[in-house]
Amino acid sequence: MSIAEQIYKVAKPLPESLALEALYFIQCLNSKNADRAEMYDLTRAQEIVMKHVLDNQDDEVWDDVTL
């Protein structure tokens, strides 16, 4: 049985108000996950753009910087 099926099985007998609360919670988790993915994409894009600055041989002060 998949996780989604297990969630459905547990949520099915809940009263409407609790089922709605569970739905909102799951939507919140989805939103957080999307935010994390977007932040990762933005961080990765920044690393790519800044690579030429951070890998500059004339500027050793940046050698120990981690992104």
N, C-alpha and C. Protein backbone atom coordinates (compact mmCIF):
# COMPACT_ATOMS: atom_id res chain seq x y z
N MET A 1 0.85 -1.17 0.00
CA MET A 1 0.00 0.00 0.00
C MET A 1 0.90 1.24 0.00
N SER A 2 0.63 2.17 -0.90
CA SER A 2 1.44 3.39 -0.99
C SER A 2 1.14 4.33 0.18
N ILE A 3 2.01 5.29 0.38
CA ILE A 3 1.81 6.28 1.44
C ILE A 3 0.52 7.06 1.20
N ALA A 4 0.27 7.45 -0.04
CA ALA A 4 -0.94 8.20 -0.36
C ALA A 4 -2.19 7.38 -0.01
N GLU A 5 -2.14 6.08 -0.29
CA GLU A 5 -3.27 5.21 0.05
C GLU A 5 -3.44 5.08 1.56
N GLN A 6 -2.33 5.04 2.28
CA GLN A 6 -2.40 4.97 3.74
C GLN A 6 -2.99 6.25 4.32
N ILE A 7 -2.59 7.39 3.77
CA ILE A 7 -3.14 8.67 4.22
C ILE A 7 -4.65 8.70 3.97
N TYR A 8 -5.05 8.26 2.79
CA TYR A 8 -6.47 8.23 2.45
C TYR A 8 -7.24 7.34 3.42
N LYS A 9 -6.68 6.16 3.71
CA LYS A 9 -7.34 5.21 4.60
C LYS A 9 -7.54 5.80 6.00
N VAL A 10 -6.53 6.50 6.49
CA VAL A 10 -6.61 7.10 7.83
C VAL A 10 -7.54 8.32 7.83
N ALA A 11 -7.52 9.09 6.73
CA ALA A 11 -8.31 10.32 6.68
C ALA A 11 -9.78 10.08 6.37
N LYS A 12 -10.08 9.01 5.67
CA LYS A 12 -11.46 8.75 5.22
C LYS A 12 -12.50 8.78 6.34
N PRO A 13 -12.26 8.17 7.51
CA PRO A 13 -13.29 8.18 8.55
C PRO A 13 -13.35 9.48 9.37
N LEU A 14 -12.44 10.41 9.13
CA LEU A 14 -12.43 11.64 9.92
C LEU A 14 -13.69 12.47 9.67
N PRO A 15 -14.15 13.18 10.68
CA PRO A 15 -15.24 14.14 10.43
C PRO A 15 -14.76 15.24 9.48
N GLU A 16 -15.71 15.85 8.83
CA GLU A 16 -15.40 16.85 7.79
C GLU A 16 -14.43 17.93 8.29
N SER A 17 -14.63 18.44 9.49
CA SER A 17 -13.79 19.52 9.99
C SER A 17 -12.34 19.07 10.16
N LEU A 18 -12.14 17.85 10.67
CA LEU A 18 -10.78 17.34 10.84
C LEU A 18 -10.15 16.97 9.50
N ALA A 19 -10.95 16.45 8.59
CA ALA A 19 -10.44 16.14 7.26
C ALA A 19 -9.98 17.42 6.55
N LEU A 20 -10.73 18.50 6.73
CA LEU A 20 -10.35 19.78 6.14
C LEU A 20 -9.05 20.29 6.75
N GLU A 21 -8.91 20.13 8.06
CA GLU A 21 -7.67 20.53 8.74
C GLU A 21 -6.48 19.71 8.21
N ALA A 22 -6.69 18.41 8.01
CA ALA A 22 -5.63 17.56 7.47
C ALA A 22 -5.27 17.99 6.05
N LEU A 23 -6.28 18.33 5.26
CA LEU A 23 -6.04 18.80 3.90
C LEU A 23 -5.21 20.07 3.91
N TYR A 24 -5.55 21.02 4.77
CA TYR A 24 -4.78 22.27 4.87
C TYR A 24 -3.34 21.99 5.27
N PHE A 25 -3.15 21.03 6.18
CA PHE A 25 -1.80 20.67 6.61
C PHE A 25 -1.00 20.09 5.45
N ILE A 26 -1.60 19.21 4.69
CA ILE A 26 -0.91 18.62 3.55
C ILE A 26 -0.59 19.68 2.51
N GLN A 27 -1.50 20.61 2.29
CA GLN A 27 -1.24 21.71 1.36
C GLN A 27 -0.08 22.58 1.85
N CYS A 28 -0.02 22.78 3.15
CA CYS A 28 1.08 23.54 3.74
C CYS A 28 2.41 22.83 3.50
N LEU A 29 2.43 21.52 3.69
CA LEU A 29 3.65 20.75 3.43
C LEU A 29 4.06 20.86 1.97
N ASN A 30 3.10 20.79 1.06
CA ASN A 30 3.39 20.93 -0.37
C ASN A 30 3.99 22.30 -0.67
N SER A 31 3.44 23.32 -0.05
CA SER A 31 3.94 24.68 -0.26
C SER A 31 5.37 24.82 0.24
N LYS A 32 5.64 24.28 1.43
CA LYS A 32 7.00 24.34 1.98
C LYS A 32 7.98 23.62 1.06
N ASN A 33 7.56 22.48 0.54
CA ASN A 33 8.42 21.71 -0.34
C ASN A 33 8.71 22.49 -1.62
N ALA A 34 7.71 23.14 -2.17
CA ALA A 34 7.89 23.95 -3.37
C ALA A 34 8.82 25.12 -3.09
N ASP A 35 8.68 25.73 -1.91
CA ASP A 35 9.56 26.84 -1.54
C ASP A 35 11.01 26.39 -1.44
N ARG A 36 11.22 25.21 -0.86
CA ARG A 36 12.59 24.68 -0.75
C ARG A 36 13.19 24.43 -2.13
N ALA A 37 12.40 23.86 -3.02
CA ALA A 37 12.88 23.58 -4.37
C ALA A 37 13.23 24.89 -5.09
N GLU A 38 12.38 25.89 -4.91
CA GLU A 38 12.64 27.18 -5.55
C GLU A 38 13.91 27.82 -4.97
N MET A 39 14.09 27.73 -3.65
CA MET A 39 15.28 28.29 -3.03
C MET A 39 16.54 27.57 -3.52
N TYR A 40 16.45 26.26 -3.67
CA TYR A 40 17.59 25.51 -4.19
C TYR A 40 17.93 25.97 -5.61
N ASP A 41 16.91 26.14 -6.43
CA ASP A 41 17.13 26.59 -7.81
C ASP A 41 17.78 27.97 -7.83
N LEU A 42 17.31 28.87 -6.96
CA LEU A 42 17.88 30.21 -6.91
C LEU A 42 19.33 30.19 -6.42
N THR A 43 19.60 29.36 -5.43
CA THR A 43 20.96 29.23 -4.91
C THR A 43 21.88 28.68 -5.98
N ARG A 44 21.42 27.67 -6.67
CA ARG A 44 22.22 27.07 -7.75
C ARG A 44 22.48 28.08 -8.86
N ALA A 45 21.50 28.87 -9.23
CA ALA A 45 21.69 29.89 -10.26
C ALA A 45 22.71 30.93 -9.80
N GLN A 46 22.65 31.30 -8.53
CA GLN A 46 23.60 32.27 -8.00
C GLN A 46 25.02 31.70 -8.04
N GLU A 47 25.17 30.44 -7.69
CA GLU A 47 26.50 29.81 -7.74
C GLU A 47 27.06 29.85 -9.15
N ILE A 48 26.24 29.56 -10.12
CA ILE A 48 26.69 29.56 -11.52
C ILE A 48 27.12 30.96 -11.95
N VAL A 49 26.31 31.95 -11.59
CA VAL A 49 26.61 33.33 -11.99
C VAL A 49 27.87 33.85 -11.30
N MET A 50 28.05 33.48 -10.03
CA MET A 50 29.17 34.00 -9.25
C MET A 50 30.45 33.18 -9.41
N LYS A 51 30.40 32.08 -10.11
CA LYS A 51 31.55 31.19 -10.23
C LYS A 51 32.79 31.94 -10.75
N HIS A 52 32.62 32.78 -11.74
CA HIS A 52 33.79 33.49 -12.29
C HIS A 52 34.39 34.46 -11.27
N VAL A 53 33.57 34.97 -10.37
CA VAL A 53 34.08 35.88 -9.33
C VAL A 53 34.79 35.08 -8.25
N LEU A 54 34.19 34.01 -7.81
CA LEU A 54 34.75 33.22 -6.72
C LEU A 54 35.97 32.41 -7.14
N ASP A 55 36.10 32.10 -8.41
CA ASP A 55 37.24 31.33 -8.90
C ASP A 55 38.33 32.21 -9.50
N ASN A 56 38.28 33.49 -9.22
CA ASN A 56 39.25 34.44 -9.75
C ASN A 56 40.60 34.24 -9.05
N GLN A 57 41.65 33.95 -9.80
CA GLN A 57 42.98 33.71 -9.23
C GLN A 57 43.57 34.95 -8.57
N ASP A 58 43.15 36.12 -9.01
CA ASP A 58 43.70 37.37 -8.46
C ASP A 58 43.05 37.75 -7.13
N ASP A 59 42.06 37.04 -6.71
CA ASP A 59 41.30 37.41 -5.53
C ASP A 59 41.18 36.23 -4.57
N GLU A 60 42.27 35.88 -3.90
CA GLU A 60 42.32 34.70 -3.05
C GLU A 60 41.43 34.79 -1.82
N VAL A 61 40.95 35.98 -1.46
CA VAL A 61 40.10 36.12 -0.29
C VAL A 61 38.81 35.30 -0.41
N TRP A 62 38.41 34.99 -1.63
CA TRP A 62 37.17 34.25 -1.87
C TRP A 62 37.38 32.72 -1.87
N ASP A 63 38.61 32.27 -1.75
CA ASP A 63 38.88 30.83 -1.87
C ASP A 63 38.16 29.99 -0.83
N ASP A 64 37.97 30.49 0.39
CA ASP A 64 37.35 29.71 1.45
C ASP A 64 35.86 29.94 1.59
N VAL A 65 35.26 30.68 0.70
CA VAL A 65 33.83 30.97 0.78
C VAL A 65 33.05 29.78 0.21
N THR A 66 32.07 29.33 0.99
CA THR A 66 31.19 28.27 0.49
C THR A 66 29.79 28.84 0.34
N LEU A 67 29.13 28.40 -0.68
CA LEU A 67 27.77 28.88 -0.95
C LEU A 67 26.75 27.88 -0.51
